[in-house]
Amino acid sequence: MKLIKEILNIIITFIENKKLYVNDICFEKTRSYRINQIYNFFYINKNKIKHYKKVSKYNEKYNKKFSDSIKHAKNAEVSPLLRLNKLLKSLEIKYENFNFLDIGSGQGIALHFVMRNYHFKNYYGVEFNEYLCDISKKNLAPLNKKFKIIHNDAKKFFLDNYRYIVYLYNPFDEIILNKFLENNLNLLKKNECIVIYQNNFHTKDIKKLCKREVFIEEGLSVYYF
């Protein structure tokens, strides 16, 4: 009954096409977002992924270690997977030459999608909420692929000496984003890493630091370092 109600709600909001606000983001192209929402719903249920719809960043029990960053973070939201797929498809690369890193990996659903559909060297997630780290590990374990979920704050996280595709789904504001870039800029450039950014609201500094930006569509950009 609960699943039927959720499906009906998505269909009704698709027809009404009202403006949608998620994490303070206004989606003008609401129908496009709802199509992603329907696909997410299908993907999560088909793969029997453990998923909590609402996860507050203010859960102090699981964020004590990095409490100073809570005000800069966004609440956990599942990435629109079709839009993530569009970002990845736009890359003219051999995926097996890169490691995939999801910063703000939440419950591991985006990582699950990438692990099922793309062959990268390794798969990593960085998440500052310890509870979500535990959930994502359980969600990803059945795929029988090598992955690592790192409980850390992005502003304190330093990349290992690998070549990365770094994925961001607007997980935090420019304060943390700029600190992450500052800490890892030399390695990003040295290894010619790529940042793919969905709902790219904080782009002022990343545009200055990268070699080039490729605009895919509204809210989707790729940054080559």
N, C-alpha and C. Protein backbone atom coordinates (compact mmCIF):
# COMPACT_ATOMS: atom_id res chain seq x y z
N MET A 1 0.83 -1.21 0.00
CA MET A 1 0.00 0.00 0.00
C MET A 1 0.86 1.26 0.00
N LYS A 2 1.93 1.23 0.80
CA LYS A 2 2.83 2.37 0.89
C LYS A 2 3.50 2.65 -0.45
N LEU A 3 3.91 1.58 -1.16
CA LEU A 3 4.56 1.72 -2.46
C LEU A 3 3.59 2.30 -3.49
N ILE A 4 2.35 1.85 -3.46
CA ILE A 4 1.33 2.34 -4.40
C ILE A 4 1.09 3.82 -4.18
N LYS A 5 1.01 4.25 -2.91
CA LYS A 5 0.81 5.66 -2.60
C LYS A 5 1.97 6.51 -3.11
N GLU A 6 3.19 5.99 -2.96
CA GLU A 6 4.36 6.74 -3.41
C GLU A 6 4.37 6.88 -4.93
N ILE A 7 4.02 5.81 -5.63
CA ILE A 7 3.96 5.84 -7.10
C ILE A 7 2.91 6.84 -7.56
N LEU A 8 1.73 6.79 -6.94
CA LEU A 8 0.65 7.71 -7.30
C LEU A 8 1.05 9.16 -7.06
N ASN A 9 1.76 9.41 -5.95
CA ASN A 9 2.21 10.76 -5.64
C ASN A 9 3.15 11.29 -6.71
N ILE A 10 4.09 10.45 -7.17
CA ILE A 10 5.02 10.85 -8.22
C ILE A 10 4.27 11.15 -9.52
N ILE A 11 3.31 10.29 -9.87
CA ILE A 11 2.54 10.48 -11.11
C ILE A 11 1.73 11.77 -11.06
N ILE A 12 1.08 12.02 -9.93
CA ILE A 12 0.27 13.24 -9.78
C ILE A 12 1.13 14.49 -9.88
N THR A 13 2.26 14.50 -9.20
CA THR A 13 3.14 15.67 -9.24
C THR A 13 3.75 15.84 -10.62
N PHE A 14 3.95 14.74 -11.35
CA PHE A 14 4.43 14.82 -12.74
C PHE A 14 3.38 15.54 -13.60
N ILE A 15 2.11 15.18 -13.44
CA ILE A 15 1.03 15.79 -14.23
C ILE A 15 0.87 17.27 -13.86
N GLU A 16 0.90 17.57 -12.57
CA GLU A 16 0.72 18.95 -12.12
C GLU A 16 1.90 19.84 -12.51
N ASN A 17 3.10 19.25 -12.58
CA ASN A 17 4.31 19.98 -12.99
C ASN A 17 4.58 21.21 -12.13
N LYS A 18 4.34 21.11 -10.83
CA LYS A 18 4.60 22.23 -9.93
C LYS A 18 6.10 22.34 -9.67
N LYS A 19 6.53 23.53 -9.29
CA LYS A 19 7.94 23.71 -8.94
C LYS A 19 8.28 22.82 -7.76
N LEU A 20 9.47 22.26 -7.83
CA LEU A 20 9.91 21.33 -6.81
C LEU A 20 11.15 21.87 -6.12
N TYR A 21 11.16 21.82 -4.80
CA TYR A 21 12.31 22.27 -4.03
C TYR A 21 12.92 21.08 -3.28
N VAL A 22 14.19 20.81 -3.52
CA VAL A 22 14.92 19.77 -2.83
C VAL A 22 16.25 20.36 -2.38
N ASN A 23 16.53 20.28 -1.07
CA ASN A 23 17.78 20.86 -0.54
C ASN A 23 17.96 22.32 -0.96
N ASP A 24 16.88 23.07 -0.89
CA ASP A 24 16.90 24.50 -1.24
C ASP A 24 17.13 24.74 -2.73
N ILE A 25 17.03 23.69 -3.54
CA ILE A 25 17.20 23.82 -4.98
C ILE A 25 15.82 23.84 -5.62
N CYS A 26 15.59 24.79 -6.50
CA CYS A 26 14.34 24.85 -7.23
C CYS A 26 14.53 24.20 -8.60
N PHE A 27 13.78 23.14 -8.87
CA PHE A 27 13.85 22.47 -10.16
C PHE A 27 12.77 23.06 -11.07
N GLU A 28 13.17 23.90 -12.01
CA GLU A 28 12.22 24.49 -12.94
C GLU A 28 11.67 23.43 -13.90
N LYS A 29 12.56 22.55 -14.38
CA LYS A 29 12.14 21.49 -15.30
C LYS A 29 11.66 20.30 -14.47
N THR A 30 10.51 20.49 -13.85
CA THR A 30 10.05 19.53 -12.86
C THR A 30 9.75 18.17 -13.46
N ARG A 31 9.16 18.14 -14.65
CA ARG A 31 8.83 16.85 -15.25
C ARG A 31 10.09 16.02 -15.50
N SER A 32 11.15 16.68 -15.93
CA SER A 32 12.42 15.98 -16.14
C SER A 32 12.91 15.38 -14.83
N TYR A 33 12.79 16.14 -13.76
CA TYR A 33 13.22 15.63 -12.45
C TYR A 33 12.34 14.46 -12.01
N ARG A 34 11.02 14.57 -12.26
CA ARG A 34 10.10 13.51 -11.85
C ARG A 34 10.39 12.21 -12.60
N ILE A 35 10.80 12.31 -13.86
CA ILE A 35 11.18 11.10 -14.61
C ILE A 35 12.36 10.43 -13.92
N ASN A 36 13.33 11.24 -13.48
CA ASN A 36 14.45 10.71 -12.71
C ASN A 36 13.96 10.08 -11.40
N GLN A 37 13.00 10.72 -10.77
CA GLN A 37 12.47 10.23 -9.51
C GLN A 37 11.79 8.86 -9.70
N ILE A 38 11.04 8.73 -10.79
CA ILE A 38 10.39 7.45 -11.11
C ILE A 38 11.45 6.38 -11.35
N TYR A 39 12.50 6.74 -12.10
CA TYR A 39 13.56 5.75 -12.36
C TYR A 39 14.26 5.36 -11.06
N ASN A 40 14.56 6.36 -10.22
CA ASN A 40 15.19 6.06 -8.92
C ASN A 40 14.35 5.08 -8.11
N PHE A 41 13.05 5.36 -8.09
CA PHE A 41 12.11 4.50 -7.34
C PHE A 41 12.17 3.07 -7.88
N PHE A 42 12.16 2.94 -9.21
CA PHE A 42 12.24 1.63 -9.86
C PHE A 42 13.56 0.94 -9.53
N TYR A 43 14.67 1.68 -9.63
CA TYR A 43 15.99 1.10 -9.41
C TYR A 43 16.17 0.62 -7.97
N ILE A 44 15.76 1.45 -7.03
CA ILE A 44 15.91 1.12 -5.61
C ILE A 44 15.11 -0.13 -5.25
N ASN A 45 13.89 -0.21 -5.76
CA ASN A 45 13.03 -1.35 -5.42
C ASN A 45 13.42 -2.61 -6.17
N LYS A 46 13.81 -2.47 -7.43
CA LYS A 46 14.23 -3.64 -8.20
C LYS A 46 15.45 -4.31 -7.57
N ASN A 47 16.38 -3.49 -7.07
CA ASN A 47 17.62 -4.02 -6.51
C ASN A 47 17.55 -4.22 -5.00
N LYS A 48 16.36 -4.02 -4.42
CA LYS A 48 16.14 -4.25 -2.99
C LYS A 48 17.16 -3.50 -2.13
N ILE A 49 17.33 -2.23 -2.46
CA ILE A 49 18.29 -1.38 -1.75
C ILE A 49 17.64 -0.78 -0.51
N LYS A 50 18.34 -0.85 0.59
CA LYS A 50 17.86 -0.23 1.82
C LYS A 50 17.93 1.28 1.66
N HIS A 51 16.80 1.95 1.86
CA HIS A 51 16.75 3.38 1.56
C HIS A 51 15.82 4.09 2.52
N TYR A 52 16.36 5.10 3.20
CA TYR A 52 15.56 5.97 4.04
C TYR A 52 15.33 7.27 3.29
N LYS A 53 14.07 7.60 3.08
CA LYS A 53 13.74 8.75 2.24
C LYS A 53 14.23 10.06 2.83
N LYS A 54 14.09 10.23 4.14
CA LYS A 54 14.49 11.47 4.79
C LYS A 54 15.58 11.19 5.82
N VAL A 55 16.75 11.74 5.58
CA VAL A 55 17.87 11.60 6.52
C VAL A 55 18.42 12.99 6.82
N SER A 56 18.24 13.45 8.04
CA SER A 56 18.66 14.80 8.40
C SER A 56 20.15 14.85 8.69
N LYS A 57 20.79 15.89 8.21
CA LYS A 57 22.22 16.10 8.50
C LYS A 57 22.44 16.43 9.98
N TYR A 58 21.38 16.80 10.68
CA TYR A 58 21.51 17.24 12.08
C TYR A 58 21.43 16.09 13.08
N ASN A 59 21.55 14.86 12.62
CA ASN A 59 21.53 13.72 13.54
C ASN A 59 22.87 13.67 14.27
N GLU A 60 22.96 14.34 15.41
CA GLU A 60 24.22 14.51 16.13
C GLU A 60 24.84 13.18 16.58
N LYS A 61 23.98 12.18 16.80
CA LYS A 61 24.47 10.88 17.25
C LYS A 61 25.48 10.30 16.27
N TYR A 62 25.29 10.58 14.96
CA TYR A 62 26.15 9.99 13.94
C TYR A 62 27.08 11.01 13.30
N ASN A 63 27.05 12.24 13.79
CA ASN A 63 27.88 13.29 13.19
C ASN A 63 28.77 14.00 14.21
N LYS A 64 28.95 13.42 15.38
CA LYS A 64 29.73 14.07 16.44
C LYS A 64 31.14 14.40 16.00
N LYS A 65 31.75 13.50 15.27
CA LYS A 65 33.15 13.66 14.88
C LYS A 65 33.36 14.87 13.99
N PHE A 66 32.36 15.18 13.16
CA PHE A 66 32.50 16.28 12.20
C PHE A 66 31.38 17.30 12.37
N SER A 67 31.02 17.57 13.61
CA SER A 67 29.89 18.45 13.90
C SER A 67 30.10 19.87 13.39
N ASP A 68 31.37 20.30 13.24
CA ASP A 68 31.64 21.66 12.78
C ASP A 68 31.28 21.86 11.30
N SER A 69 31.04 20.77 10.58
CA SER A 69 30.73 20.88 9.15
C SER A 69 29.25 20.72 8.85
N ILE A 70 28.46 20.41 9.87
CA ILE A 70 27.03 20.14 9.63
C ILE A 70 26.33 21.32 8.96
N LYS A 71 26.65 22.54 9.40
CA LYS A 71 25.96 23.71 8.86
C LYS A 71 26.28 23.95 7.38
N HIS A 72 27.37 23.35 6.91
CA HIS A 72 27.77 23.53 5.51
C HIS A 72 27.28 22.41 4.60
N ALA A 73 26.70 21.36 5.21
CA ALA A 73 26.29 20.18 4.44
C ALA A 73 24.82 20.28 4.05
N LYS A 74 24.43 19.43 3.10
CA LYS A 74 23.03 19.30 2.70
C LYS A 74 22.47 18.01 3.29
N ASN A 75 21.15 17.96 3.46
CA ASN A 75 20.52 16.72 3.88
C ASN A 75 20.74 15.65 2.80
N ALA A 76 20.80 14.40 3.23
CA ALA A 76 21.06 13.31 2.29
C ALA A 76 19.90 13.15 1.31
N GLU A 77 20.21 13.20 0.03
CA GLU A 77 19.24 12.99 -1.05
C GLU A 77 19.83 12.03 -2.05
N VAL A 78 18.99 11.21 -2.65
CA VAL A 78 19.47 10.27 -3.67
C VAL A 78 19.70 11.02 -4.98
N SER A 79 20.85 10.83 -5.58
CA SER A 79 21.15 11.46 -6.87
C SER A 79 20.15 11.01 -7.92
N PRO A 80 19.66 11.92 -8.75
CA PRO A 80 18.90 11.50 -9.94
C PRO A 80 19.81 10.66 -10.84
N LEU A 81 19.55 9.37 -10.90
CA LEU A 81 20.49 8.45 -11.52
C LEU A 81 20.60 8.62 -13.04
N LEU A 82 19.51 8.99 -13.68
CA LEU A 82 19.57 9.20 -15.13
C LEU A 82 20.45 10.39 -15.48
N ARG A 83 20.43 11.40 -14.64
CA ARG A 83 21.29 12.57 -14.87
C ARG A 83 22.76 12.25 -14.57
N LEU A 84 23.00 11.43 -13.55
CA LEU A 84 24.35 10.95 -13.29
C LEU A 84 24.85 10.15 -14.50
N ASN A 85 23.98 9.32 -15.05
CA ASN A 85 24.34 8.52 -16.22
C ASN A 85 24.70 9.42 -17.41
N LYS A 86 23.97 10.51 -17.56
CA LYS A 86 24.25 11.45 -18.65
C LYS A 86 25.64 12.08 -18.49
N LEU A 87 26.00 12.41 -17.26
CA LEU A 87 27.34 12.94 -16.99
C LEU A 87 28.42 11.93 -17.38
N LEU A 88 28.24 10.70 -16.94
CA LEU A 88 29.24 9.67 -17.21
C LEU A 88 29.33 9.34 -18.70
N LYS A 89 28.20 9.30 -19.38
CA LYS A 89 28.19 9.01 -20.81
C LYS A 89 28.87 10.10 -21.63
N SER A 90 28.92 11.31 -21.08
CA SER A 90 29.51 12.43 -21.81
C SER A 90 31.04 12.38 -21.83
N LEU A 91 31.61 11.54 -20.97
CA LEU A 91 33.07 11.49 -20.83
C LEU A 91 33.67 10.61 -21.93
N GLU A 92 34.58 11.18 -22.69
CA GLU A 92 35.26 10.41 -23.73
C GLU A 92 36.55 9.82 -23.14
N ILE A 93 36.36 8.81 -22.32
CA ILE A 93 37.48 8.21 -21.60
C ILE A 93 37.32 6.70 -21.58
N LYS A 94 38.37 6.01 -21.19
CA LYS A 94 38.29 4.60 -20.85
C LYS A 94 38.07 4.52 -19.35
N TYR A 95 36.90 4.12 -18.95
CA TYR A 95 36.52 4.13 -17.54
C TYR A 95 37.48 3.31 -16.68
N GLU A 96 38.00 2.22 -17.26
CA GLU A 96 38.88 1.34 -16.48
C GLU A 96 40.20 1.99 -16.11
N ASN A 97 40.49 3.17 -16.69
CA ASN A 97 41.72 3.89 -16.35
C ASN A 97 41.53 4.81 -15.14
N PHE A 98 40.30 4.89 -14.63
CA PHE A 98 39.97 5.82 -13.55
C PHE A 98 39.40 5.07 -12.34
N ASN A 99 39.52 5.71 -11.19
CA ASN A 99 38.81 5.30 -9.97
C ASN A 99 37.62 6.22 -9.80
N PHE A 100 36.49 5.67 -9.39
CA PHE A 100 35.29 6.47 -9.20
C PHE A 100 35.15 6.82 -7.72
N LEU A 101 34.98 8.11 -7.43
CA LEU A 101 34.86 8.59 -6.05
C LEU A 101 33.62 9.45 -5.91
N ASP A 102 32.71 9.04 -5.05
CA ASP A 102 31.49 9.80 -4.75
C ASP A 102 31.70 10.52 -3.43
N ILE A 103 31.75 11.86 -3.48
CA ILE A 103 31.93 12.66 -2.26
C ILE A 103 30.54 13.03 -1.72
N GLY A 104 30.25 12.58 -0.52
CA GLY A 104 28.90 12.72 0.02
C GLY A 104 28.06 11.56 -0.49
N SER A 105 28.58 10.34 -0.26
CA SER A 105 28.02 9.15 -0.91
C SER A 105 26.74 8.63 -0.26
N GLY A 106 26.35 9.20 0.88
CA GLY A 106 25.06 8.89 1.48
C GLY A 106 24.84 7.41 1.72
N GLN A 107 23.72 6.90 1.21
CA GLN A 107 23.33 5.50 1.40
C GLN A 107 23.90 4.58 0.33
N GLY A 108 24.76 5.12 -0.53
CA GLY A 108 25.47 4.31 -1.51
C GLY A 108 24.69 3.98 -2.76
N ILE A 109 23.58 4.69 -3.00
CA ILE A 109 22.72 4.34 -4.14
C ILE A 109 23.36 4.75 -5.46
N ALA A 110 23.97 5.93 -5.51
CA ALA A 110 24.67 6.35 -6.74
C ALA A 110 25.84 5.41 -7.01
N LEU A 111 26.58 5.05 -5.95
CA LEU A 111 27.69 4.11 -6.11
C LEU A 111 27.18 2.75 -6.61
N HIS A 112 26.07 2.31 -6.10
CA HIS A 112 25.47 1.05 -6.53
C HIS A 112 25.20 1.09 -8.03
N PHE A 113 24.60 2.18 -8.49
CA PHE A 113 24.29 2.34 -9.91
C PHE A 113 25.56 2.31 -10.76
N VAL A 114 26.58 3.03 -10.32
CA VAL A 114 27.83 3.09 -11.08
C VAL A 114 28.53 1.73 -11.08
N MET A 115 28.54 1.06 -9.95
CA MET A 115 29.19 -0.25 -9.86
C MET A 115 28.51 -1.28 -10.75
N ARG A 116 27.20 -1.16 -10.93
CA ARG A 116 26.46 -2.10 -11.77
C ARG A 116 26.64 -1.79 -13.26
N ASN A 117 26.89 -0.54 -13.61
CA ASN A 117 26.83 -0.14 -15.01
C ASN A 117 28.15 0.32 -15.63
N TYR A 118 29.16 0.56 -14.80
CA TYR A 118 30.44 1.07 -15.32
C TYR A 118 31.60 0.31 -14.69
N HIS A 119 32.61 0.06 -15.52
CA HIS A 119 33.77 -0.69 -15.05
C HIS A 119 34.92 0.27 -14.77
N PHE A 120 35.01 0.71 -13.51
CA PHE A 120 36.13 1.53 -13.06
C PHE A 120 37.16 0.63 -12.35
N LYS A 121 38.36 1.18 -12.15
CA LYS A 121 39.38 0.43 -11.41
C LYS A 121 38.89 0.07 -10.02
N ASN A 122 38.45 1.08 -9.29
CA ASN A 122 37.97 0.91 -7.92
C ASN A 122 36.84 1.90 -7.68
N TYR A 123 36.11 1.66 -6.60
CA TYR A 123 34.94 2.49 -6.27
C TYR A 123 35.07 2.96 -4.82
N TYR A 124 34.92 4.27 -4.61
CA TYR A 124 35.08 4.84 -3.28
C TYR A 124 33.90 5.79 -2.98
N GLY A 125 33.56 5.85 -1.70
CA GLY A 125 32.59 6.83 -1.23
C GLY A 125 33.14 7.50 0.01
N VAL A 126 32.91 8.81 0.12
CA VAL A 126 33.28 9.57 1.32
C VAL A 126 32.00 10.14 1.91
N GLU A 127 31.75 9.86 3.18
CA GLU A 127 30.52 10.29 3.84
C GLU A 127 30.81 10.64 5.30
N PHE A 128 30.30 11.80 5.77
CA PHE A 128 30.61 12.24 7.13
C PHE A 128 29.60 11.74 8.16
N ASN A 129 28.50 11.12 7.69
CA ASN A 129 27.51 10.55 8.60
C ASN A 129 27.79 9.07 8.76
N GLU A 130 28.19 8.68 9.95
CA GLU A 130 28.61 7.29 10.20
C GLU A 130 27.48 6.30 9.94
N TYR A 131 26.27 6.68 10.27
CA TYR A 131 25.11 5.81 10.06
C TYR A 131 24.92 5.51 8.58
N LEU A 132 25.05 6.53 7.74
CA LEU A 132 24.90 6.33 6.30
C LEU A 132 26.03 5.48 5.73
N CYS A 133 27.22 5.62 6.31
CA CYS A 133 28.35 4.75 5.90
C CYS A 133 27.99 3.28 6.10
N ASP A 134 27.40 2.97 7.25
CA ASP A 134 27.03 1.58 7.55
C ASP A 134 25.95 1.08 6.58
N ILE A 135 24.96 1.93 6.30
CA ILE A 135 23.89 1.54 5.37
C ILE A 135 24.47 1.27 3.98
N SER A 136 25.34 2.16 3.51
CA SER A 136 25.88 2.02 2.16
C SER A 136 26.71 0.75 2.02
N LYS A 137 27.46 0.40 3.04
CA LYS A 137 28.25 -0.84 2.99
C LYS A 137 27.34 -2.05 2.81
N LYS A 138 26.21 -2.06 3.51
CA LYS A 138 25.25 -3.17 3.39
C LYS A 138 24.60 -3.17 2.00
N ASN A 139 24.34 -1.99 1.46
CA ASN A 139 23.72 -1.91 0.13
C ASN A 139 24.66 -2.38 -0.97
N LEU A 140 25.95 -2.13 -0.81
CA LEU A 140 26.92 -2.42 -1.87
C LEU A 140 27.50 -3.83 -1.78
N ALA A 141 27.48 -4.43 -0.62
CA ALA A 141 28.09 -5.75 -0.43
C ALA A 141 27.58 -6.82 -1.40
N PRO A 142 26.26 -6.87 -1.70
CA PRO A 142 25.76 -7.93 -2.60
C PRO A 142 26.30 -7.85 -4.02
N LEU A 143 26.89 -6.73 -4.41
CA LEU A 143 27.40 -6.60 -5.78
C LEU A 143 28.70 -7.37 -5.99
N ASN A 144 29.33 -7.79 -4.90
CA ASN A 144 30.57 -8.58 -4.98
C ASN A 144 31.66 -7.88 -5.80
N LYS A 145 31.79 -6.58 -5.60
CA LYS A 145 32.87 -5.81 -6.22
C LYS A 145 33.65 -5.11 -5.12
N LYS A 146 34.89 -4.79 -5.42
CA LYS A 146 35.72 -4.10 -4.44
C LYS A 146 35.28 -2.64 -4.33
N PHE A 147 35.05 -2.21 -3.10
CA PHE A 147 34.69 -0.82 -2.85
C PHE A 147 35.18 -0.44 -1.46
N LYS A 148 35.22 0.87 -1.22
CA LYS A 148 35.63 1.35 0.10
C LYS A 148 34.80 2.58 0.45
N ILE A 149 34.14 2.51 1.59
CA ILE A 149 33.39 3.65 2.12
C ILE A 149 34.21 4.28 3.23
N ILE A 150 34.51 5.55 3.09
CA ILE A 150 35.39 6.25 4.02
C ILE A 150 34.58 7.21 4.87
N HIS A 151 34.62 7.01 6.18
CA HIS A 151 33.93 7.92 7.10
C HIS A 151 34.84 9.12 7.35
N ASN A 152 34.55 10.20 6.66
CA ASN A 152 35.41 11.39 6.76
C ASN A 152 34.65 12.62 6.31
N ASP A 153 35.21 13.75 6.68
CA ASP A 153 34.70 15.06 6.27
C ASP A 153 35.46 15.47 5.01
N ALA A 154 34.74 15.88 3.97
CA ALA A 154 35.39 16.21 2.69
C ALA A 154 36.46 17.29 2.84
N LYS A 155 36.26 18.21 3.77
CA LYS A 155 37.25 19.29 3.91
C LYS A 155 38.54 18.80 4.59
N LYS A 156 38.49 17.59 5.17
CA LYS A 156 39.68 17.02 5.82
C LYS A 156 40.21 15.81 5.04
N PHE A 157 39.61 15.56 3.89
CA PHE A 157 39.93 14.36 3.14
C PHE A 157 40.99 14.64 2.07
N PHE A 158 42.01 13.80 2.06
CA PHE A 158 43.08 13.92 1.06
C PHE A 158 43.07 12.70 0.15
N LEU A 159 43.08 12.95 -1.13
CA LEU A 159 43.05 11.87 -2.12
C LEU A 159 44.35 11.08 -2.10
N ASP A 160 44.24 9.79 -2.36
CA ASP A 160 45.43 8.98 -2.61
C ASP A 160 45.92 9.27 -4.03
N ASN A 161 47.11 8.79 -4.31
CA ASN A 161 47.75 9.11 -5.59
C ASN A 161 47.20 8.23 -6.72
N TYR A 162 45.91 8.46 -7.06
CA TYR A 162 45.24 7.74 -8.14
C TYR A 162 44.61 8.74 -9.10
N ARG A 163 44.14 8.20 -10.19
CA ARG A 163 43.39 9.02 -11.16
C ARG A 163 41.90 8.83 -10.89
N TYR A 164 41.20 9.91 -10.66
CA TYR A 164 39.81 9.83 -10.22
C TYR A 164 38.82 10.51 -11.17
N ILE A 165 37.62 9.93 -11.20
CA ILE A 165 36.41 10.66 -11.54
C ILE A 165 35.77 11.00 -10.20
N VAL A 166 35.70 12.28 -9.87
CA VAL A 166 35.11 12.71 -8.60
C VAL A 166 33.68 13.18 -8.86
N TYR A 167 32.73 12.56 -8.18
CA TYR A 167 31.32 12.90 -8.39
C TYR A 167 30.78 13.71 -7.22
N LEU A 168 30.10 14.80 -7.55
CA LEU A 168 29.46 15.66 -6.54
C LEU A 168 27.98 15.84 -6.91
N TYR A 169 27.09 15.54 -5.95
CA TYR A 169 25.68 15.88 -6.13
C TYR A 169 25.33 16.96 -5.11
N ASN A 170 25.92 18.13 -5.30
CA ASN A 170 25.70 19.27 -4.41
C ASN A 170 25.65 18.85 -2.94
N PRO A 171 26.69 18.17 -2.44
CA PRO A 171 26.63 17.64 -1.07
C PRO A 171 26.86 18.68 0.01
N PHE A 172 27.45 19.83 -0.37
CA PHE A 172 27.79 20.85 0.63
C PHE A 172 27.99 22.18 -0.07
N ASP A 173 28.20 23.23 0.73
CA ASP A 173 28.35 24.57 0.16
C ASP A 173 29.78 24.82 -0.29
N GLU A 174 30.05 26.06 -0.71
CA GLU A 174 31.37 26.40 -1.28
C GLU A 174 32.49 26.37 -0.24
N ILE A 175 32.15 26.50 1.04
CA ILE A 175 33.18 26.46 2.09
C ILE A 175 33.91 25.13 2.07
N ILE A 176 33.16 24.05 2.11
CA ILE A 176 33.77 22.72 2.12
C ILE A 176 34.32 22.36 0.74
N LEU A 177 33.59 22.70 -0.30
CA LEU A 177 34.06 22.40 -1.66
C LEU A 177 35.42 23.04 -1.92
N ASN A 178 35.56 24.31 -1.58
CA ASN A 178 36.82 25.00 -1.84
C ASN A 178 37.96 24.45 -0.99
N LYS A 179 37.66 24.00 0.22
CA LYS A 179 38.70 23.39 1.07
C LYS A 179 39.14 22.06 0.49
N PHE A 180 38.19 21.29 0.00
CA PHE A 180 38.53 20.02 -0.64
C PHE A 180 39.42 20.26 -1.87
N LEU A 181 39.07 21.25 -2.67
CA LEU A 181 39.87 21.57 -3.86
C LEU A 181 41.26 22.05 -3.48
N GLU A 182 41.32 22.90 -2.46
CA GLU A 182 42.61 23.42 -1.99
C GLU A 182 43.53 22.28 -1.53
N ASN A 183 42.97 21.35 -0.77
CA ASN A 183 43.76 20.24 -0.23
C ASN A 183 44.26 19.29 -1.31
N ASN A 184 43.51 19.18 -2.41
CA ASN A 184 43.78 18.14 -3.39
C ASN A 184 44.10 18.64 -4.78
N LEU A 185 44.28 19.95 -4.93
CA LEU A 185 44.46 20.53 -6.26
C LEU A 185 45.68 19.96 -6.99
N ASN A 186 46.80 19.85 -6.28
CA ASN A 186 48.02 19.35 -6.94
C ASN A 186 47.82 17.95 -7.50
N LEU A 187 47.17 17.08 -6.73
CA LEU A 187 46.96 15.72 -7.20
C LEU A 187 45.92 15.67 -8.32
N LEU A 188 44.87 16.49 -8.20
CA LEU A 188 43.86 16.54 -9.26
C LEU A 188 44.49 16.90 -10.61
N LYS A 189 45.42 17.87 -10.57
CA LYS A 189 46.08 18.31 -11.79
C LYS A 189 47.12 17.29 -12.26
N LYS A 190 47.90 16.79 -11.32
CA LYS A 190 48.97 15.84 -11.65
C LYS A 190 48.42 14.61 -12.35
N ASN A 191 47.31 14.08 -11.85
CA ASN A 191 46.74 12.85 -12.39
C ASN A 191 45.61 13.10 -13.40
N GLU A 192 45.44 14.36 -13.79
CA GLU A 192 44.42 14.74 -14.78
C GLU A 192 43.05 14.15 -14.42
N CYS A 193 42.65 14.43 -13.20
CA CYS A 193 41.36 13.94 -12.71
C CYS A 193 40.22 14.75 -13.31
N ILE A 194 39.03 14.21 -13.18
CA ILE A 194 37.82 14.84 -13.72
C ILE A 194 36.79 14.94 -12.60
N VAL A 195 36.18 16.11 -12.47
CA VAL A 195 35.08 16.30 -11.51
C VAL A 195 33.78 16.41 -12.28
N ILE A 196 32.82 15.55 -11.96
CA ILE A 196 31.48 15.65 -12.55
C ILE A 196 30.55 16.15 -11.46
N TYR A 197 29.79 17.18 -11.77
CA TYR A 197 29.07 17.95 -10.74
C TYR A 197 27.61 18.08 -11.16
N GLN A 198 26.72 17.50 -10.36
CA GLN A 198 25.28 17.61 -10.60
C GLN A 198 24.67 18.59 -9.61
N ASN A 199 23.78 19.46 -10.10
CA ASN A 199 23.27 20.59 -9.32
C ASN A 199 24.44 21.46 -8.87
N ASN A 200 25.15 21.92 -9.85
CA ASN A 200 26.43 22.61 -9.64
C ASN A 200 26.23 24.08 -9.28
N PHE A 201 25.91 24.31 -8.02
CA PHE A 201 25.62 25.68 -7.57
C PHE A 201 26.86 26.47 -7.19
N HIS A 202 27.93 25.79 -6.83
CA HIS A 202 29.10 26.48 -6.29
C HIS A 202 30.29 26.28 -7.24
N THR A 203 30.29 27.01 -8.32
CA THR A 203 31.26 26.74 -9.39
C THR A 203 32.30 27.84 -9.59
N LYS A 204 32.18 28.92 -8.86
CA LYS A 204 33.06 30.07 -9.09
C LYS A 204 34.54 29.68 -9.03
N ASP A 205 34.94 29.00 -7.96
CA ASP A 205 36.36 28.67 -7.78
C ASP A 205 36.80 27.45 -8.59
N ILE A 206 35.92 26.48 -8.73
CA ILE A 206 36.28 25.30 -9.49
C ILE A 206 36.54 25.66 -10.96
N LYS A 207 35.82 26.63 -11.47
CA LYS A 207 36.04 27.09 -12.85
C LYS A 207 37.41 27.73 -13.01
N LYS A 208 37.86 28.44 -11.98
CA LYS A 208 39.17 29.09 -12.04
C LYS A 208 40.31 28.07 -11.97
N LEU A 209 40.09 26.98 -11.25
CA LEU A 209 41.16 26.04 -10.96
C LEU A 209 41.32 24.95 -12.03
N CYS A 210 40.24 24.62 -12.72
CA CYS A 210 40.32 23.53 -13.69
C CYS A 210 40.86 24.01 -15.03
N LYS A 211 41.26 23.07 -15.87
CA LYS A 211 41.74 23.41 -17.22
C LYS A 211 40.59 23.84 -18.12
N ARG A 212 39.49 23.10 -18.04
CA ARG A 212 38.33 23.46 -18.86
C ARG A 212 37.06 22.89 -18.26
N GLU A 213 35.97 23.55 -18.58
CA GLU A 213 34.64 23.10 -18.16
C GLU A 213 33.86 22.69 -19.40
N VAL A 214 33.13 21.60 -19.29
CA VAL A 214 32.21 21.19 -20.36
C VAL A 214 30.80 21.23 -19.78
N PHE A 215 29.97 22.09 -20.34
CA PHE A 215 28.59 22.23 -19.90
C PHE A 215 27.74 21.18 -20.63
N ILE A 216 27.07 20.32 -19.88
CA ILE A 216 26.25 19.26 -20.48
C ILE A 216 24.82 19.75 -20.67
N GLU A 217 24.23 20.22 -19.60
CA GLU A 217 22.91 20.85 -19.63
C GLU A 217 22.73 21.57 -18.31
N GLU A 218 21.59 22.22 -18.14
CA GLU A 218 21.37 22.97 -16.91
C GLU A 218 21.57 22.08 -15.69
N GLY A 219 22.52 22.47 -14.82
CA GLY A 219 22.78 21.72 -13.59
C GLY A 219 23.76 20.58 -13.73
N LEU A 220 24.31 20.38 -14.91
CA LEU A 220 25.27 19.29 -15.13
C LEU A 220 26.51 19.84 -15.82
N SER A 221 27.66 19.72 -15.16
CA SER A 221 28.92 20.18 -15.76
C SER A 221 30.04 19.20 -15.45
N VAL A 222 31.05 19.20 -16.33
CA VAL A 222 32.23 18.37 -16.17
C VAL A 222 33.44 19.28 -16.13
N TYR A 223 34.35 19.04 -15.17
CA TYR A 223 35.54 19.88 -15.01
C TYR A 223 36.79 19.02 -15.16
N TYR A 224 37.60 19.35 -16.13
CA TYR A 224 38.83 18.62 -16.41
C TYR A 224 40.02 19.34 -15.77
N PHE A 225 40.81 18.62 -14.99
CA PHE A 225 41.96 19.21 -14.30
C PHE A 225 43.27 18.79 -14.98
